[in-house]
C-alpha atoms as a PDB file:
ATOM      1  CA  MET A   1      35.217 144.000 -49.380  1.00  0.00           C
ATOM      2  CA  SER A   2      37.260 147.140 -49.970  1.00  0.00           C
ATOM      3  CA  ASN A   3      38.231 148.050 -53.499  1.00  0.00           C
ATOM      4  CA  LYS A   4      41.954 147.913 -52.621  1.00  0.00           C
ATOM      5  CA  ARG A   5      41.611 144.452 -51.151  1.00  0.00           C
ATOM      6  CA  ALA A   6      39.588 143.194 -54.119  1.00  0.00           C
ATOM      7  CA  THR A   7      42.265 144.524 -56.478  1.00  0.00           C
ATOM      8  CA  PHE A   8      45.033 142.824 -54.500  1.00  0.00           C
ATOM      9  CA  ILE A   9      43.142 139.522 -54.433  1.00  0.00           C
ATOM     10  CA  THR A  10      42.441 139.776 -58.146  1.00  0.00           C
ATOM     11  CA  LEU A  11      46.134 140.358 -58.853  1.00  0.00           C
ATOM     12  CA  PHE A  12      47.043 137.411 -56.612  1.00  0.00           C
ATOM     13  CA  VAL A  13      44.670 135.081 -58.481  1.00  0.00           C
ATOM     14  CA  THR A  14      46.018 136.438 -61.774  1.00  0.00           C
ATOM     15  CA  ALA A  15      49.588 135.674 -60.691  1.00  0.00           C
ATOM     16  CA  ILE A  16      48.548 132.121 -59.785  1.00  0.00           C
ATOM     17  CA  ARG A  17      46.788 131.682 -63.122  1.00  0.00           C
ATOM     18  CA  PHE A  18      49.681 133.032 -65.160  1.00  0.00           C
ATOM     19  CA  GLY A  19      52.283 131.056 -63.186  1.00  0.00           C
ATOM     20  CA  LEU A  20      50.409 127.780 -63.574  1.00  0.00           C
ATOM     21  CA  GLY A  21      49.639 128.607 -67.195  1.00  0.00           C
ATOM     22  CA  ALA A  22      53.316 129.199 -67.946  1.00  0.00           C
ATOM     23  CA  ILE A  23      54.297 125.881 -66.349  1.00  0.00           C
ATOM     24  CA  LEU A  24      51.612 123.947 -68.230  1.00  0.00           C
ATOM     25  CA  ALA A  25      52.438 125.665 -71.520  1.00  0.00           C
ATOM     26  CA  PHE A  26      56.150 124.872 -71.070  1.00  0.00           C
ATOM     27  CA  ALA A  27      55.327 121.243 -70.276  1.00  0.00           C
ATOM     28  CA  ALA A  28      52.994 121.009 -73.275  1.00  0.00           C
ATOM     29  CA  PHE A  29      55.531 122.492 -75.684  1.00  0.00           C
ATOM     30  CA  THR A  30      58.335 120.235 -74.477  1.00  0.00           C
ATOM     31  CA  HIS A  31      56.081 117.179 -74.739  1.00  0.00           C
ATOM     32  CA  LEU A  32      55.043 118.215 -78.248  1.00  0.00           C
ATOM     33  CA  LYS A  33      58.645 118.899 -79.255  1.00  0.00           C
ATOM     34  CA  HIS A  34      59.887 115.534 -77.910  1.00  0.00           C
ATOM     35  CA  PRO A  35      56.886 113.193 -78.348  1.00  0.00           C
ATOM     36  CA  TYR A  36      58.912 109.979 -78.325  1.00  0.00           C
ATOM     37  CA  MET A  37      60.692 110.981 -75.114  1.00  0.00           C
ATOM     38  CA  PHE A  38      57.312 111.754 -73.553  1.00  0.00           C
ATOM     39  CA  LEU A  39      55.957 108.387 -74.690  1.00  0.00           C
ATOM     40  CA  TYR A  40      59.048 106.646 -73.289  1.00  0.00           C
ATOM     41  CA  ASP A  41      58.648 108.447 -69.934  1.00  0.00           C
ATOM     42  CA  LEU A  42      54.954 107.596 -69.887  1.00  0.00           C
ATOM     43  CA  LEU A  43      55.649 103.906 -70.499  1.00  0.00           C
ATOM     44  CA  GLN A  44      58.160 103.853 -67.623  1.00  0.00           C
ATOM     45  CA  TYR A  45      55.301 104.472 -65.172  1.00  0.00           C
ATOM     46  CA  ARG A  46      53.745 101.116 -66.182  1.00  0.00           C
ATOM     47  CA  VAL A  47      50.251 102.522 -65.811  1.00  0.00           C
ATOM     48  CA  VAL A  48      49.261 102.466 -69.493  1.00  0.00           C
ATOM     49  CA  ALA A  49      50.753 100.526 -72.391  1.00  0.00           C
ATOM     50  CA  GLY A  50      50.326  99.964 -76.107  1.00  0.00           C
ATOM     51  CA  TRP A  51      47.871 102.042 -78.053  1.00  0.00           C
ATOM     52  CA  LEU A  52      46.508 103.602 -74.846  1.00  0.00           C
ATOM     53  CA  ALA A  53      49.971 104.957 -74.000  1.00  0.00           C
ATOM     54  CA  VAL A  54      50.246 106.405 -77.497  1.00  0.00           C
ATOM     55  CA  ALA A  55      46.798 107.984 -77.155  1.00  0.00           C
ATOM     56  CA  VAL A  56      47.729 109.530 -73.798  1.00  0.00           C
ATOM     57  CA  ALA A  57      51.069 110.747 -75.173  1.00  0.00           C
ATOM     58  CA  VAL A  58      49.284 112.434 -78.075  1.00  0.00           C
ATOM     59  CA  THR A  59      46.360 113.960 -76.175  1.00  0.00           C
ATOM     60  CA  MET A  60      47.968 114.943 -72.846  1.00  0.00           C
ATOM     61  CA  PRO A  61      50.179 117.728 -74.260  1.00  0.00           C
ATOM     62  CA  ILE A  62      47.243 119.109 -76.238  1.00  0.00           C
ATOM     63  CA  PHE A  63      45.094 119.103 -73.093  1.00  0.00           C
ATOM     64  CA  GLU A  64      47.922 120.788 -71.133  1.00  0.00           C
ATOM     65  CA  LEU A  65      48.130 123.464 -73.797  1.00  0.00           C
ATOM     66  CA  ILE A  66      44.361 124.016 -73.835  1.00  0.00           C
ATOM     67  CA  VAL A  67      44.316 124.392 -70.041  1.00  0.00           C
ATOM     68  CA  ALA A  68      47.262 126.813 -70.242  1.00  0.00           C
ATOM     69  CA  VAL A  69      45.425 128.928 -72.828  1.00  0.00           C
ATOM     70  CA  LEU A  70      42.328 128.929 -70.619  1.00  0.00           C
ATOM     71  CA  LEU A  71      44.442 130.071 -67.659  1.00  0.00           C
ATOM     72  CA  PHE A  72      45.718 132.980 -69.773  1.00  0.00           C
ATOM     73  CA  SER A  73      42.276 133.797 -71.170  1.00  0.00           C
ATOM     74  CA  ARG A  74      39.724 136.362 -70.093  1.00  0.00           C
ATOM     75  CA  MET A  75      37.280 133.761 -68.822  1.00  0.00           C
ATOM     76  CA  SER A  76      36.428 133.320 -65.165  1.00  0.00           C
ATOM     77  CA  PRO A  77      39.307 131.600 -63.356  1.00  0.00           C
ATOM     78  CA  ARG A  78      37.122 128.892 -61.836  1.00  0.00           C
ATOM     79  CA  VAL A  79      37.018 126.437 -64.763  1.00  0.00           C
ATOM     80  CA  PRO A  80      40.698 126.701 -65.762  1.00  0.00           C
ATOM     81  CA  LEU A  81      41.830 126.386 -62.141  1.00  0.00           C
ATOM     82  CA  LEU A  82      39.533 123.402 -61.597  1.00  0.00           C
ATOM     83  CA  LEU A  83      40.951 121.700 -64.712  1.00  0.00           C
ATOM     84  CA  THR A  84      44.483 122.532 -63.562  1.00  0.00           C
ATOM     85  CA  THR A  85      43.839 121.076 -60.119  1.00  0.00           C
ATOM     86  CA  GLY A  86      42.475 117.879 -61.654  1.00  0.00           C
ATOM     87  CA  LEU A  87      45.407 117.535 -64.034  1.00  0.00           C
ATOM     88  CA  LEU A  88      47.961 118.128 -61.286  1.00  0.00           C
ATOM     89  CA  CYS A  89      46.205 115.618 -59.007  1.00  0.00           C
ATOM     90  CA  ILE A  90      46.458 112.993 -61.752  1.00  0.00           C
ATOM     91  CA  TYR A  91      50.194 113.695 -62.039  1.00  0.00           C
ATOM     92  CA  PHE A  92      50.536 113.482 -58.255  1.00  0.00           C
ATOM     93  CA  PHE A  93      48.669 110.163 -58.121  1.00  0.00           C
ATOM     94  CA  VAL A  94      50.740 108.614 -60.925  1.00  0.00           C
ATOM     95  CA  GLN A  95      54.044 109.782 -59.436  1.00  0.00           C
ATOM     96  CA  SER A  96      53.012 108.570 -55.968  1.00  0.00           C
ATOM     97  CA  SER A  97      52.130 105.199 -57.474  1.00  0.00           C
ATOM     98  CA  ALA A  98      55.559 104.971 -59.125  1.00  0.00           C
ATOM     99  CA  LEU A  99      57.286 105.903 -55.878  1.00  0.00           C
ATOM    100  CA  VAL A 100      55.317 103.323 -53.839  1.00  0.00           C
ATOM    101  CA  ARG A 101      56.122 100.639 -56.427  1.00  0.00           C
ATOM    102  CA  GLY A 102      59.811 101.502 -56.160  1.00  0.00           C
ATOM    103  CA  LEU A 103      60.232 102.622 -59.763  1.00  0.00           C
ATOM    104  CA  ALA A 104      63.403 104.683 -60.206  1.00  0.00           C
ATOM    105  CA  ILE A 105      62.198 106.706 -63.198  1.00  0.00           C
ATOM    106  CA  ASP A 106      62.264 110.253 -64.499  1.00  0.00           C
ATOM    107  CA  CYS A 107      59.077 112.181 -63.881  1.00  0.00           C
ATOM    108  CA  GLY A 108      58.781 113.137 -67.560  1.00  0.00           C
ATOM    109  CA  CYS A 109      57.311 116.465 -66.536  1.00  0.00           C
ATOM    110  CA  PHE A 110      59.082 118.502 -69.191  1.00  0.00           C
ATOM    111  CA  GLY A 111      59.651 116.088 -72.040  1.00  0.00           C
ATOM    112  CA  GLY A 112      63.334 115.464 -71.538  1.00  0.00           C
ATOM    113  CA  VAL A 113      64.324 119.135 -71.328  1.00  0.00           C
ATOM    114  CA  ILE A 114      64.482 119.056 -67.532  1.00  0.00           C
ATOM    115  CA  ARG A 115      65.144 115.636 -66.038  1.00  0.00           C
ATOM    116  CA  GLN A 116      64.043 114.908 -62.483  1.00  0.00           C
ATOM    117  CA  GLU A 117      63.607 111.538 -60.836  1.00  0.00           C
ATOM    118  CA  VAL A 118      60.253 110.771 -59.259  1.00  0.00           C
ATOM    119  CA  GLY A 119      60.688 111.270 -55.540  1.00  0.00           C
ATOM    120  CA  ALA A 120      60.067 113.549 -52.620  1.00  0.00           C
ATOM    121  CA  SER A 121      61.158 116.668 -54.515  1.00  0.00           C
ATOM    122  CA  SER A 122      58.906 116.038 -57.536  1.00  0.00           C
ATOM    123  CA  LEU A 123      55.961 115.277 -55.236  1.00  0.00           C
ATOM    124  CA  ALA A 124      56.717 118.393 -53.176  1.00  0.00           C
ATOM    125  CA  LEU A 125      56.678 120.504 -56.334  1.00  0.00           C
ATOM    126  CA  LEU A 126      53.385 118.974 -57.421  1.00  0.00           C
ATOM    127  CA  SER A 127      51.960 119.546 -53.929  1.00  0.00           C
ATOM    128  CA  LEU A 128      52.931 123.222 -54.151  1.00  0.00           C
ATOM    129  CA  LEU A 129      51.350 123.562 -57.580  1.00  0.00           C
ATOM    130  CA  ILE A 130      48.164 121.817 -56.414  1.00  0.00           C
ATOM    131  CA  ALA A 131      47.992 124.053 -53.329  1.00  0.00           C
ATOM    132  CA  SER A 132      48.438 127.137 -55.526  1.00  0.00           C
ATOM    133  CA  SER A 133      45.713 126.013 -57.878  1.00  0.00           C
ATOM    134  CA  VAL A 134      43.303 125.193 -55.047  1.00  0.00           C
ATOM    135  CA  ALA A 135      44.085 128.516 -53.343  1.00  0.00           C
ATOM    136  CA  GLY A 136      43.368 130.385 -56.574  1.00  0.00           C
ATOM    137  CA  LEU A 137      40.155 128.418 -57.004  1.00  0.00           C
ATOM    138  CA  LEU A 138      38.968 129.144 -53.459  1.00  0.00           C
ATOM    139  CA  ILE A 139      39.899 132.811 -53.645  1.00  0.00           C
ATOM    140  CA  ALA A 140      38.180 133.192 -57.024  1.00  0.00           C
ATOM    141  CA  ARG A 141      35.090 131.537 -55.559  1.00  0.00           C
ATOM    142  CA  THR A 142      35.157 133.887 -52.569  1.00  0.00           C
ATOM    143  CA  LEU A 143      35.421 136.873 -54.901  1.00  0.00           C
ATOM    144  CA  SER A 144      32.488 135.766 -57.038  1.00  0.00           C
ATOM    145  CA  ASP A 145      30.408 134.825 -53.971  1.00  0.00           C
ATOM    146  CA  SER A 146      30.957 138.289 -52.486  1.00  0.00           C
ATOM    147  CA  GLY A 147      29.322 139.813 -55.540  1.00  0.00           C
ATOM    148  CA  LYS A 148      32.545 141.137 -57.006  1.00  0.00           C
ATOM    149  CA  ASN A 149      33.410 139.986 -60.475  1.00  0.00           C
ATOM    150  CA  THR A 150      37.049 139.216 -60.931  1.00  0.00           C
ATOM    151  CA  PRO A 151      38.321 141.930 -63.242  1.00  0.00           C
ATOM    152  CA  ASN A 152      40.044 140.787 -66.364  1.00  0.00           C
ATOM    153  CA  PRO A 153      43.796 141.154 -65.798  1.00  0.00           C
ATOM    154  CA  VAL A 154      44.436 141.363 -69.536  1.00  0.00           C
ATOM    155  CA  ALA A 155      42.108 144.337 -69.931  1.00  0.00           C
ATOM    156  CA  THR A 156      43.681 146.376 -67.108  1.00  0.00           C
END
């Protein structure tokens, strides 16, 4: 692989990482700033209730923030992008479940700061984010398999 192409691919993966990291960090901060609104939104999905809902409402924003920090970090992009893909797939599954069950609820994506009803547009956004994360994961894997280490974008 040419050096120019490897640099372009590295920058592309970096843009994906930083974009997803910014979205997850924003979501985490809004959930942490408005914990009761996040808990309310979570309960509206009718997937978890009681103490389990409280536990999810407490730990989910912290996990989002940890994944965001990992996306911004100097570590290999594979683990953070894999965690991001998993997290986004969970969100997609839960929103799809709400849509199939006919629940007219807010997605709760950004803790009350940005309100959006669960529907085609929220699922389309999640699909785009999942595709971006998977693309970054596959490209990062291709880079590492070709013997090129992904340069650290922070150090350049």
